[in-house]
């Protein structure tokens, strides 16, 4: 898992609360929030959010107010502009 200090993703307090609620509901308190951009949808791209215990070695990771976030390198240009 890579960590780049120049990658920043901001989550609103409501988003952080929802991530915490969903992690608790799924019994995955330590899981990272996986942010991925997929092909499809009305705008040709859509965000796919899930939880992941072990991000991949080439993922770019950051933390926002205690929420670990993992982004794959192909999605990175769409997520961090």
Protein backbone atom coordinates (compact mmCIF):
# COMPACT_ATOMS: atom_id res chain seq x y z
CA UNK A 1 0.00 0.00 0.00
CA UNK A 2 1.49 3.31 -1.06
CA UNK A 3 0.97 6.59 0.65
CA UNK A 4 1.45 9.90 -1.08
CA UNK A 5 1.32 13.03 1.03
CA UNK A 6 0.12 15.17 -1.88
CA UNK A 7 -3.08 13.13 -2.32
CA UNK A 8 -5.92 14.60 -0.36
CA UNK A 9 -9.52 13.53 -0.32
CA UNK A 10 -12.00 15.45 1.79
CA UNK A 11 -15.14 13.97 3.28
CA UNK A 12 -17.92 15.98 4.86
CA UNK A 13 -18.82 15.20 8.48
CA UNK A 14 -22.02 13.55 7.20
CA UNK A 15 -20.02 11.33 4.82
CA UNK A 16 -17.64 10.32 7.62
CA UNK A 17 -20.60 9.45 9.84
CA UNK A 18 -22.14 7.36 7.04
CA UNK A 19 -18.87 5.50 6.41
CA UNK A 20 -18.62 4.74 10.12
CA UNK A 21 -22.26 3.62 10.24
CA UNK A 22 -21.84 1.31 7.23
CA UNK A 23 -18.56 -0.15 8.51
CA UNK A 24 -20.25 -0.93 11.81
CA UNK A 25 -23.28 -2.45 10.10
CA UNK A 26 -21.01 -4.69 8.02
CA UNK A 27 -18.83 -5.53 11.06
CA UNK A 28 -15.72 -4.12 9.31
CA UNK A 29 -14.52 -1.39 11.69
CA UNK A 30 -10.94 -1.29 10.36
CA UNK A 31 -11.72 -1.50 6.66
CA UNK A 32 -10.54 1.15 4.21
CA UNK A 33 -13.02 2.95 2.00
CA UNK A 34 -12.28 1.84 -1.56
CA UNK A 35 -12.99 4.58 -4.14
CA UNK A 36 -12.99 3.35 -7.72
CA UNK A 37 -14.17 4.90 -10.99
CA UNK A 38 -15.86 2.48 -13.38
CA UNK A 39 -17.05 2.76 -16.98
CA UNK A 40 -20.80 3.05 -17.50
CA UNK A 41 -23.74 5.10 -16.38
CA UNK A 42 -25.23 8.24 -17.95
CA UNK A 43 -21.95 10.19 -17.86
CA UNK A 44 -19.88 7.19 -19.05
CA UNK A 45 -18.23 6.96 -15.60
CA UNK A 46 -19.50 6.30 -12.09
CA UNK A 47 -18.00 6.00 -8.62
CA UNK A 48 -17.90 2.58 -7.01
CA UNK A 49 -17.50 2.66 -3.22
CA UNK A 50 -16.82 -0.39 -1.09
CA UNK A 51 -14.88 -1.51 1.97
CA UNK A 52 -11.62 -3.38 1.79
CA UNK A 53 -9.49 -4.89 4.54
CA UNK A 54 -6.20 -4.90 2.61
CA UNK A 55 -5.66 -2.33 -0.16
CA UNK A 56 -3.48 -3.43 -3.09
CA UNK A 57 0.24 -2.65 -3.14
CA UNK A 58 -0.10 -0.08 -5.92
CA UNK A 59 -3.08 1.76 -4.38
CA UNK A 60 -2.71 5.36 -3.30
CA UNK A 61 -3.98 5.85 0.22
CA UNK A 62 -4.79 8.71 2.55
CA UNK A 63 -6.75 9.31 5.72
CA UNK A 64 -9.54 11.83 6.23
CA UNK A 65 -10.59 12.36 9.85
CA UNK A 66 -9.83 8.76 10.76
CA UNK A 67 -11.28 7.20 7.60
CA UNK A 68 -8.64 5.33 5.58
CA UNK A 69 -9.25 5.75 1.84
CA UNK A 70 -7.72 3.63 -0.95
CA UNK A 71 -7.77 4.63 -4.63
CA UNK A 72 -6.38 2.49 -7.45
CA UNK A 73 -3.95 4.20 -9.83
CA UNK A 74 -6.37 4.10 -12.80
CA UNK A 75 -9.08 5.90 -10.82
CA UNK A 76 -6.72 8.42 -9.27
CA UNK A 77 -6.91 11.07 -12.06
CA UNK A 78 -10.71 11.15 -11.74
CA UNK A 79 -10.77 11.24 -7.94
CA UNK A 80 -7.91 13.64 -7.18
CA UNK A 81 -7.93 16.55 -9.58
